[in-house]
């Protein structure tokens, strides 16, 4: 997967970090995590405008989220690891694409190697920002650029695997 990504320019930024997700209790449309022991992130699901479909390449649900991020400094790493929280190690590759339409619009593509409960996984996400009316176009245009090169053998990006991190982690 890392050799495939991003399939075109720009050169991805690399980052290693550990996030801690609040998984229990389930909070419905909220996702809560401590990012790299530096920030408390709260995301609220606002709905889905539909499906992003690149025939023969990828298919996934588009989702609207609102995010709030607050500075955070735990007393110790152990203080954020009680019962319902789960640690996730990440090796992230993020390619940031300029807007394809509106000048304020952007789209980031993130390929992440995830280590959770002694198993390795991959996640792939696209995140568009900018004026609401341009978001779908930005996602579609960036996805078309990224998926010009076929995925590695055996990789199938299916709609059934399209979900938020917190939702995915709860299934493990």
N, C-alpha and C. Protein backbone atom coordinates (compact mmCIF):
# COMPACT_ATOMS: atom_id res chain seq x y z
N UNK A 1 0.83 -1.19 0.00
CA UNK A 1 0.00 0.00 0.00
C UNK A 1 0.86 1.25 0.00
N UNK A 2 1.92 1.26 0.81
CA UNK A 2 2.77 2.45 0.89
C UNK A 2 3.43 2.74 -0.46
N UNK A 3 3.79 1.70 -1.22
CA UNK A 3 4.38 1.90 -2.54
C UNK A 3 3.39 2.45 -3.55
N UNK A 4 2.12 2.17 -3.36
CA UNK A 4 1.07 2.67 -4.26
C UNK A 4 0.76 4.14 -4.00
N UNK A 5 0.80 4.56 -2.75
CA UNK A 5 0.34 5.89 -2.35
C UNK A 5 1.36 6.96 -2.64
N UNK A 6 1.01 8.18 -3.08
CA UNK A 6 -0.32 8.63 -3.38
C UNK A 6 -0.71 8.39 -4.84
N UNK A 7 0.14 7.76 -5.63
CA UNK A 7 -0.20 7.50 -7.01
C UNK A 7 0.13 8.67 -7.91
N UNK A 8 0.26 9.84 -7.34
CA UNK A 8 0.65 11.05 -8.08
C UNK A 8 1.12 12.07 -7.06
N UNK A 9 1.55 13.22 -7.54
CA UNK A 9 1.99 14.27 -6.63
C UNK A 9 0.79 14.84 -5.92
N UNK A 10 0.90 15.47 -4.79
CA UNK A 10 2.11 15.91 -4.11
C UNK A 10 2.74 14.83 -3.23
N UNK A 11 3.98 15.08 -2.85
CA UNK A 11 4.71 14.18 -1.96
C UNK A 11 4.02 14.15 -0.60
N UNK A 12 3.77 12.97 -0.04
CA UNK A 12 3.05 12.90 1.24
C UNK A 12 3.91 13.31 2.43
N UNK A 13 3.24 13.89 3.44
CA UNK A 13 3.86 14.16 4.73
C UNK A 13 3.80 12.86 5.53
N UNK A 14 4.82 12.59 6.33
CA UNK A 14 4.86 11.37 7.14
C UNK A 14 4.75 11.74 8.62
N UNK A 15 4.02 10.94 9.37
CA UNK A 15 3.85 11.18 10.80
C UNK A 15 3.59 9.86 11.51
N UNK A 16 4.24 9.69 12.65
CA UNK A 16 3.96 8.55 13.54
C UNK A 16 3.38 9.12 14.82
N UNK A 17 2.32 8.47 15.32
CA UNK A 17 1.74 8.95 16.57
C UNK A 17 0.88 7.85 17.17
N UNK A 18 0.48 8.08 18.43
CA UNK A 18 -0.44 7.19 19.10
C UNK A 18 -1.65 8.00 19.53
N UNK A 19 -2.83 7.52 19.14
CA UNK A 19 -4.09 8.15 19.53
C UNK A 19 -4.80 7.20 20.48
N UNK A 20 -5.64 7.77 21.35
CA UNK A 20 -6.42 6.98 22.29
C UNK A 20 -7.88 7.35 22.08
N UNK A 21 -8.67 6.34 21.68
CA UNK A 21 -10.08 6.55 21.34
C UNK A 21 -10.99 6.13 22.48
N UNK A 22 -12.03 6.93 22.73
CA UNK A 22 -13.08 6.54 23.66
C UNK A 22 -14.08 5.68 22.90
N UNK A 23 -14.13 4.38 23.22
CA UNK A 23 -15.00 3.45 22.49
C UNK A 23 -16.19 2.99 23.31
N UNK A 24 -16.07 3.02 24.64
CA UNK A 24 -17.14 2.56 25.48
C UNK A 24 -17.32 3.56 26.61
N UNK A 25 -18.44 4.21 26.72
CA UNK A 25 -19.69 3.91 26.03
C UNK A 25 -19.69 4.45 24.60
N UNK A 26 -20.45 3.79 23.72
CA UNK A 26 -20.66 4.30 22.37
C UNK A 26 -21.42 5.61 22.46
N UNK A 27 -20.99 6.59 21.71
CA UNK A 27 -21.60 7.92 21.81
C UNK A 27 -22.41 8.29 20.57
N UNK A 28 -22.89 7.27 19.84
CA UNK A 28 -23.70 7.55 18.67
C UNK A 28 -22.92 8.32 17.62
N UNK A 29 -23.34 9.51 17.32
CA UNK A 29 -22.72 10.32 16.28
C UNK A 29 -21.53 11.14 16.75
N UNK A 30 -20.97 10.83 17.91
CA UNK A 30 -19.78 11.54 18.40
C UNK A 30 -18.58 10.60 18.39
N UNK A 31 -17.43 11.16 18.10
CA UNK A 31 -16.16 10.45 18.19
C UNK A 31 -15.24 11.28 19.07
N UNK A 32 -14.63 10.63 20.07
CA UNK A 32 -13.75 11.33 21.01
C UNK A 32 -12.42 10.62 21.03
N UNK A 33 -11.33 11.40 20.91
CA UNK A 33 -10.00 10.80 21.01
C UNK A 33 -9.02 11.81 21.60
N UNK A 34 -7.95 11.26 22.16
CA UNK A 34 -6.79 12.07 22.57
C UNK A 34 -5.75 11.84 21.48
N UNK A 35 -5.40 12.90 20.76
CA UNK A 35 -4.47 12.80 19.63
C UNK A 35 -3.05 13.08 20.10
N UNK A 36 -2.22 12.04 20.02
CA UNK A 36 -0.78 12.15 20.30
C UNK A 36 -0.50 12.77 21.66
N UNK A 37 -1.35 12.55 22.65
CA UNK A 37 -1.20 13.09 24.01
C UNK A 37 -1.12 14.61 24.03
N UNK A 38 -1.58 15.26 22.95
CA UNK A 38 -1.48 16.72 22.88
C UNK A 38 -2.82 17.43 22.69
N UNK A 39 -3.83 16.72 22.19
CA UNK A 39 -5.11 17.38 21.91
C UNK A 39 -6.26 16.43 22.17
N UNK A 40 -7.36 16.99 22.67
CA UNK A 40 -8.60 16.26 22.80
C UNK A 40 -9.45 16.64 21.60
N UNK A 41 -9.77 15.66 20.75
CA UNK A 41 -10.57 15.90 19.55
C UNK A 41 -11.96 15.33 19.75
N UNK A 42 -12.95 16.14 19.45
CA UNK A 42 -14.35 15.71 19.47
C UNK A 42 -14.91 15.97 18.09
N UNK A 43 -15.47 14.92 17.48
CA UNK A 43 -16.06 15.05 16.16
C UNK A 43 -17.53 14.65 16.24
N UNK A 44 -18.37 15.41 15.52
CA UNK A 44 -19.80 15.13 15.48
C UNK A 44 -20.21 14.81 14.04
N UNK A 45 -20.85 13.67 13.87
CA UNK A 45 -21.33 13.23 12.56
C UNK A 45 -22.55 14.06 12.18
N UNK A 46 -22.51 14.64 10.98
CA UNK A 46 -23.60 15.51 10.53
C UNK A 46 -24.41 14.91 9.38
N UNK A 47 -24.07 13.71 8.95
CA UNK A 47 -24.84 13.07 7.89
C UNK A 47 -23.97 12.68 6.71
N UNK A 48 -24.61 12.07 5.73
CA UNK A 48 -23.91 11.60 4.54
C UNK A 48 -24.59 12.14 3.29
N UNK A 49 -23.81 12.77 2.40
CA UNK A 49 -24.39 13.24 1.14
C UNK A 49 -24.45 12.17 0.06
N UNK A 50 -24.00 10.95 0.38
CA UNK A 50 -24.09 9.88 -0.61
C UNK A 50 -22.83 9.05 -0.71
N UNK A 51 -22.64 8.46 -1.88
CA UNK A 51 -21.56 7.51 -2.14
C UNK A 51 -20.55 8.12 -3.10
N UNK A 52 -19.27 7.91 -2.82
CA UNK A 52 -18.20 8.23 -3.76
C UNK A 52 -17.88 6.92 -4.48
N UNK A 53 -18.07 6.89 -5.79
CA UNK A 53 -17.93 5.65 -6.54
C UNK A 53 -16.97 5.86 -7.71
N UNK A 54 -15.86 5.12 -7.69
CA UNK A 54 -14.92 5.08 -8.80
C UNK A 54 -14.92 3.65 -9.30
N UNK A 55 -15.73 3.36 -10.31
CA UNK A 55 -15.90 1.97 -10.76
C UNK A 55 -14.56 1.27 -11.00
N UNK A 56 -14.46 0.08 -10.40
CA UNK A 56 -13.26 -0.72 -10.55
C UNK A 56 -12.11 -0.28 -9.67
N UNK A 57 -12.27 0.80 -8.90
CA UNK A 57 -11.18 1.31 -8.06
C UNK A 57 -11.56 1.37 -6.58
N UNK A 58 -12.64 2.11 -6.27
CA UNK A 58 -13.02 2.29 -4.86
C UNK A 58 -14.47 2.74 -4.78
N UNK A 59 -15.06 2.42 -3.62
CA UNK A 59 -16.43 2.84 -3.35
C UNK A 59 -16.54 3.07 -1.86
N UNK A 60 -17.04 4.24 -1.46
CA UNK A 60 -17.17 4.52 -0.04
C UNK A 60 -18.21 5.58 0.25
N UNK A 61 -18.61 5.64 1.51
CA UNK A 61 -19.60 6.62 1.96
C UNK A 61 -18.91 7.96 2.20
N UNK A 62 -19.51 9.02 1.70
CA UNK A 62 -19.08 10.36 2.06
C UNK A 62 -19.79 10.73 3.35
N UNK A 63 -19.08 11.42 4.24
CA UNK A 63 -19.66 11.80 5.53
C UNK A 63 -19.28 13.24 5.84
N UNK A 64 -20.22 13.96 6.44
CA UNK A 64 -19.95 15.29 6.96
C UNK A 64 -19.68 15.17 8.45
N UNK A 65 -18.57 15.78 8.91
CA UNK A 65 -18.21 15.80 10.32
C UNK A 65 -17.84 17.23 10.72
N UNK A 66 -18.12 17.61 11.94
CA UNK A 66 -17.63 18.87 12.51
C UNK A 66 -16.66 18.48 13.62
N UNK A 67 -15.51 19.16 13.67
CA UNK A 67 -14.46 18.79 14.61
C UNK A 67 -14.10 19.97 15.51
N UNK A 68 -13.94 19.65 16.79
CA UNK A 68 -13.41 20.59 17.76
C UNK A 68 -12.15 19.97 18.35
N UNK A 69 -11.13 20.77 18.50
CA UNK A 69 -9.86 20.28 19.04
C UNK A 69 -9.42 21.21 20.16
N UNK A 70 -9.04 20.61 21.31
CA UNK A 70 -8.65 21.37 22.48
C UNK A 70 -7.27 20.92 22.94
N UNK A 71 -6.43 21.87 23.38
CA UNK A 71 -5.13 21.46 23.92
C UNK A 71 -5.35 20.50 25.09
N UNK A 72 -4.46 19.52 25.20
CA UNK A 72 -4.63 18.49 26.22
C UNK A 72 -3.26 18.06 26.70
N UNK A 73 -3.14 17.89 28.00
CA UNK A 73 -1.90 17.42 28.58
C UNK A 73 -2.22 16.47 29.72
N UNK A 74 -2.18 15.15 29.45
CA UNK A 74 -2.50 14.20 30.52
C UNK A 74 -1.44 14.23 31.61
N UNK A 75 -1.85 13.88 32.83
CA UNK A 75 -0.90 13.82 33.94
C UNK A 75 0.17 12.77 33.68
N UNK A 76 -0.25 11.65 33.06
CA UNK A 76 0.67 10.59 32.68
C UNK A 76 0.01 9.81 31.54
N UNK A 77 0.80 9.09 30.74
CA UNK A 77 0.19 8.30 29.65
C UNK A 77 -0.87 7.33 30.16
N UNK A 78 -0.69 6.80 31.36
CA UNK A 78 -1.65 5.84 31.91
C UNK A 78 -2.97 6.49 32.28
N UNK A 79 -2.97 7.81 32.50
CA UNK A 79 -4.19 8.47 32.96
C UNK A 79 -5.26 8.53 31.87
N UNK A 80 -4.91 8.24 30.62
CA UNK A 80 -5.91 8.24 29.56
C UNK A 80 -6.15 6.84 29.04
N UNK A 81 -5.94 5.85 29.87
CA UNK A 81 -6.12 4.47 29.42
C UNK A 81 -7.05 3.66 30.33
N UNK A 82 -8.08 4.29 30.93
CA UNK A 82 -9.00 3.48 31.72
C UNK A 82 -9.97 2.75 30.79
N UNK A 83 -10.73 1.84 31.37
CA UNK A 83 -11.73 1.00 30.73
C UNK A 83 -12.10 1.21 29.28
N UNK A 84 -12.84 2.24 28.96
CA UNK A 84 -13.42 2.39 27.63
C UNK A 84 -12.53 2.99 26.58
N UNK A 85 -11.29 3.31 26.90
CA UNK A 85 -10.36 3.93 25.95
C UNK A 85 -9.47 2.87 25.32
N UNK A 86 -9.11 3.04 24.04
CA UNK A 86 -8.22 2.08 23.35
C UNK A 86 -7.12 2.83 22.60
N UNK A 87 -5.90 2.34 22.80
CA UNK A 87 -4.73 2.93 22.13
C UNK A 87 -4.58 2.40 20.71
N UNK A 88 -4.23 3.31 19.80
CA UNK A 88 -4.03 2.96 18.40
C UNK A 88 -2.75 3.64 17.93
N UNK A 89 -1.80 2.84 17.46
CA UNK A 89 -0.56 3.41 16.90
C UNK A 89 -0.76 3.62 15.41
N UNK A 90 -0.28 4.76 14.91
CA UNK A 90 -0.50 5.11 13.51
C UNK A 90 0.79 5.57 12.84
N UNK A 91 0.98 5.12 11.61
CA UNK A 91 2.01 5.64 10.71
C UNK A 91 1.22 6.28 9.56
N UNK A 92 1.16 7.60 9.53
CA UNK A 92 0.30 8.29 8.57
C UNK A 92 1.11 8.86 7.41
N UNK A 93 0.53 8.77 6.23
CA UNK A 93 1.04 9.43 5.03
C UNK A 93 -0.10 10.31 4.53
N UNK A 94 0.14 11.63 4.48
CA UNK A 94 -0.92 12.55 4.09
C UNK A 94 -0.45 13.37 2.90
N UNK A 95 -1.19 13.27 1.80
CA UNK A 95 -0.93 14.10 0.61
C UNK A 95 -2.02 15.17 0.56
N UNK A 96 -1.61 16.41 0.45
CA UNK A 96 -2.56 17.54 0.44
C UNK A 96 -2.64 18.11 -0.97
N UNK A 97 -3.85 18.10 -1.51
CA UNK A 97 -4.09 18.56 -2.87
C UNK A 97 -4.75 19.93 -2.84
N UNK A 98 -4.31 20.84 -3.71
CA UNK A 98 -4.98 22.14 -3.79
C UNK A 98 -6.38 21.98 -4.35
N UNK A 99 -7.21 22.98 -4.13
CA UNK A 99 -8.58 22.94 -4.62
C UNK A 99 -8.64 22.78 -6.14
N UNK A 100 -9.58 21.96 -6.58
CA UNK A 100 -9.78 21.74 -8.01
C UNK A 100 -10.82 22.70 -8.56
N UNK A 101 -11.54 23.39 -7.67
CA UNK A 101 -12.59 24.31 -8.09
C UNK A 101 -12.47 25.62 -7.33
N UNK A 102 -13.09 25.69 -6.15
CA UNK A 102 -13.06 26.88 -5.32
C UNK A 102 -11.66 27.10 -4.76
N UNK A 103 -11.16 28.35 -4.79
CA UNK A 103 -9.79 28.60 -4.32
C UNK A 103 -9.56 28.26 -2.85
N UNK A 104 -10.59 28.35 -1.99
CA UNK A 104 -10.41 28.04 -0.57
C UNK A 104 -10.52 26.55 -0.29
N UNK A 105 -10.89 25.77 -1.26
CA UNK A 105 -11.11 24.34 -1.07
C UNK A 105 -9.78 23.59 -1.10
N UNK A 106 -9.73 22.50 -0.34
CA UNK A 106 -8.56 21.61 -0.29
C UNK A 106 -9.06 20.20 -0.10
N UNK A 107 -8.20 19.25 -0.42
CA UNK A 107 -8.52 17.85 -0.12
C UNK A 107 -7.24 17.14 0.30
N UNK A 108 -7.30 16.49 1.44
CA UNK A 108 -6.17 15.70 1.93
C UNK A 108 -6.52 14.23 1.76
N UNK A 109 -5.52 13.44 1.37
CA UNK A 109 -5.69 11.99 1.24
C UNK A 109 -4.73 11.37 2.24
N UNK A 110 -5.27 10.52 3.12
CA UNK A 110 -4.48 9.93 4.20
C UNK A 110 -4.48 8.41 4.08
N UNK A 111 -3.28 7.86 3.98
CA UNK A 111 -3.09 6.42 4.05
C UNK A 111 -2.40 6.15 5.38
N UNK A 112 -3.01 5.33 6.21
CA UNK A 112 -2.49 5.10 7.56
C UNK A 112 -2.32 3.62 7.83
N UNK A 113 -1.13 3.27 8.29
CA UNK A 113 -0.90 1.93 8.80
C UNK A 113 -1.27 1.97 10.28
N UNK A 114 -2.21 1.13 10.67
CA UNK A 114 -2.78 1.16 12.01
C UNK A 114 -2.36 -0.10 12.76
N UNK A 115 -1.89 0.08 13.99
CA UNK A 115 -1.57 -1.06 14.87
C UNK A 115 -2.55 -1.00 16.03
N UNK A 116 -3.42 -2.01 16.13
CA UNK A 116 -4.45 -2.04 17.15
C UNK A 116 -4.60 -3.46 17.66
N UNK A 117 -4.50 -3.64 18.97
CA UNK A 117 -4.60 -4.95 19.62
C UNK A 117 -3.69 -5.98 18.95
N UNK A 118 -2.44 -5.60 18.74
CA UNK A 118 -1.39 -6.46 18.20
C UNK A 118 -1.66 -6.93 16.77
N UNK A 119 -2.47 -6.19 16.02
CA UNK A 119 -2.71 -6.50 14.62
C UNK A 119 -2.47 -5.26 13.79
N UNK A 120 -2.02 -5.47 12.54
CA UNK A 120 -1.78 -4.36 11.62
C UNK A 120 -2.90 -4.27 10.60
N UNK A 121 -3.30 -3.02 10.31
CA UNK A 121 -4.38 -2.73 9.38
C UNK A 121 -3.97 -1.52 8.54
N UNK A 122 -4.69 -1.26 7.49
CA UNK A 122 -4.53 -0.04 6.69
C UNK A 122 -5.85 0.70 6.65
N UNK A 123 -5.78 2.01 6.65
CA UNK A 123 -6.98 2.81 6.40
C UNK A 123 -6.64 3.85 5.33
N UNK A 124 -7.64 4.22 4.58
CA UNK A 124 -7.48 5.22 3.52
C UNK A 124 -8.66 6.16 3.61
N UNK A 125 -8.37 7.45 3.69
CA UNK A 125 -9.45 8.43 3.79
C UNK A 125 -9.15 9.67 2.99
N UNK A 126 -10.20 10.32 2.53
CA UNK A 126 -10.11 11.61 1.85
C UNK A 126 -10.87 12.61 2.68
N UNK A 127 -10.31 13.80 2.87
CA UNK A 127 -10.95 14.83 3.68
C UNK A 127 -10.93 16.15 2.93
N UNK A 128 -12.11 16.60 2.52
CA UNK A 128 -12.23 17.87 1.81
C UNK A 128 -12.64 18.95 2.79
N UNK A 129 -12.07 20.13 2.62
CA UNK A 129 -12.44 21.30 3.41
C UNK A 129 -12.67 22.46 2.46
N UNK A 130 -13.48 23.40 2.90
CA UNK A 130 -13.78 24.57 2.07
C UNK A 130 -15.26 24.83 2.06
N UNK A 131 -15.72 25.63 1.10
CA UNK A 131 -17.15 25.94 1.02
C UNK A 131 -17.98 24.67 0.82
N UNK A 132 -19.10 24.56 1.52
CA UNK A 132 -19.92 23.35 1.50
C UNK A 132 -20.31 22.94 0.09
N UNK A 133 -20.59 23.91 -0.76
CA UNK A 133 -21.04 23.60 -2.12
C UNK A 133 -19.93 23.01 -3.00
N UNK A 134 -18.69 23.10 -2.55
CA UNK A 134 -17.58 22.57 -3.36
C UNK A 134 -17.04 21.23 -2.86
N UNK A 135 -17.49 20.75 -1.70
CA UNK A 135 -16.89 19.58 -1.07
C UNK A 135 -16.99 18.32 -1.91
N UNK A 136 -18.17 18.03 -2.45
CA UNK A 136 -18.34 16.82 -3.25
C UNK A 136 -17.44 16.86 -4.48
N UNK A 137 -17.40 18.00 -5.14
CA UNK A 137 -16.55 18.14 -6.33
C UNK A 137 -15.08 17.92 -5.97
N UNK A 138 -14.64 18.48 -4.83
CA UNK A 138 -13.25 18.32 -4.40
C UNK A 138 -12.91 16.86 -4.14
N UNK A 139 -13.80 16.16 -3.45
CA UNK A 139 -13.58 14.74 -3.19
C UNK A 139 -13.50 13.94 -4.49
N UNK A 140 -14.44 14.17 -5.37
CA UNK A 140 -14.47 13.41 -6.63
C UNK A 140 -13.24 13.70 -7.49
N UNK A 141 -12.86 14.97 -7.59
CA UNK A 141 -11.70 15.34 -8.41
C UNK A 141 -10.41 14.77 -7.83
N UNK A 142 -10.24 14.86 -6.52
CA UNK A 142 -9.03 14.33 -5.88
C UNK A 142 -8.99 12.81 -5.98
N UNK A 143 -10.12 12.16 -5.74
CA UNK A 143 -10.17 10.70 -5.84
C UNK A 143 -9.81 10.25 -7.25
N UNK A 144 -10.27 10.97 -8.26
CA UNK A 144 -9.94 10.61 -9.64
C UNK A 144 -8.43 10.69 -9.88
N UNK A 145 -7.76 11.68 -9.27
CA UNK A 145 -6.30 11.80 -9.38
C UNK A 145 -5.59 10.66 -8.65
N UNK A 146 -6.03 10.39 -7.42
CA UNK A 146 -5.36 9.40 -6.58
C UNK A 146 -5.53 7.99 -7.13
N UNK A 147 -6.69 7.68 -7.66
CA UNK A 147 -6.97 6.32 -8.10
C UNK A 147 -6.72 6.10 -9.58
N UNK A 148 -5.88 6.94 -10.21
CA UNK A 148 -5.50 6.68 -11.61
C UNK A 148 -4.68 5.40 -11.70
N UNK A 149 -3.91 5.13 -10.66
CA UNK A 149 -3.11 3.90 -10.59
C UNK A 149 -3.91 2.84 -9.83
N UNK A 150 -3.99 1.65 -10.38
CA UNK A 150 -4.74 0.57 -9.74
C UNK A 150 -4.17 0.26 -8.36
N UNK A 151 -5.04 -0.15 -7.46
CA UNK A 151 -4.62 -0.56 -6.12
C UNK A 151 -3.80 -1.84 -6.20
N UNK A 152 -2.94 -2.09 -5.20
CA UNK A 152 -2.17 -3.34 -5.18
C UNK A 152 -3.10 -4.55 -5.22
N UNK A 153 -2.61 -5.64 -5.74
CA UNK A 153 -3.39 -6.88 -5.85
C UNK A 153 -4.03 -7.28 -4.53
N UNK A 154 -5.27 -7.68 -4.61
CA UNK A 154 -5.98 -8.15 -3.43
C UNK A 154 -6.64 -7.06 -2.62
N UNK A 155 -6.36 -5.78 -2.90
CA UNK A 155 -6.98 -4.70 -2.14
C UNK A 155 -8.28 -4.31 -2.82
N UNK A 156 -9.35 -4.35 -2.02
CA UNK A 156 -10.67 -4.03 -2.53
C UNK A 156 -11.31 -3.03 -1.57
N UNK A 157 -11.50 -1.81 -2.01
CA UNK A 157 -12.12 -0.78 -1.17
C UNK A 157 -13.62 -0.83 -1.37
N UNK A 158 -14.29 -1.50 -0.42
CA UNK A 158 -15.71 -1.77 -0.55
C UNK A 158 -16.54 -0.84 0.34
N UNK A 159 -17.78 -0.64 -0.05
CA UNK A 159 -18.69 0.19 0.72
C UNK A 159 -18.89 -0.35 2.14
N UNK A 160 -18.88 -1.66 2.31
CA UNK A 160 -19.08 -2.25 3.63
C UNK A 160 -17.93 -1.96 4.60
N UNK A 161 -16.79 -1.57 4.07
CA UNK A 161 -15.63 -1.25 4.90
C UNK A 161 -15.47 0.25 5.13
N UNK A 162 -16.39 1.04 4.64
CA UNK A 162 -16.33 2.50 4.72
C UNK A 162 -17.01 2.97 5.99
N UNK A 163 -16.20 3.45 6.96
CA UNK A 163 -16.75 3.90 8.24
C UNK A 163 -15.72 4.75 8.98
N UNK A 164 -16.15 5.39 10.06
CA UNK A 164 -15.24 6.20 10.88
C UNK A 164 -14.30 5.30 11.67
N UNK A 165 -13.20 5.86 12.15
CA UNK A 165 -12.27 5.09 12.99
C UNK A 165 -12.97 4.51 14.20
N UNK A 166 -13.70 5.36 14.93
CA UNK A 166 -14.35 4.88 16.15
C UNK A 166 -15.31 3.73 15.85
N UNK A 167 -16.09 3.87 14.80
CA UNK A 167 -17.03 2.80 14.43
C UNK A 167 -16.27 1.52 14.08
N UNK A 168 -15.18 1.65 13.32
CA UNK A 168 -14.39 0.49 12.95
C UNK A 168 -13.75 -0.17 14.18
N UNK A 169 -13.18 0.66 15.06
CA UNK A 169 -12.52 0.12 16.26
C UNK A 169 -13.49 -0.63 17.15
N UNK A 170 -14.73 -0.17 17.23
CA UNK A 170 -15.73 -0.86 18.06
C UNK A 170 -16.04 -2.25 17.54
N UNK A 171 -15.81 -2.51 16.26
CA UNK A 171 -16.09 -3.84 15.69
C UNK A 171 -14.95 -4.81 15.95
N UNK A 172 -13.83 -4.35 16.44
CA UNK A 172 -12.67 -5.22 16.67
C UNK A 172 -12.72 -5.80 18.06
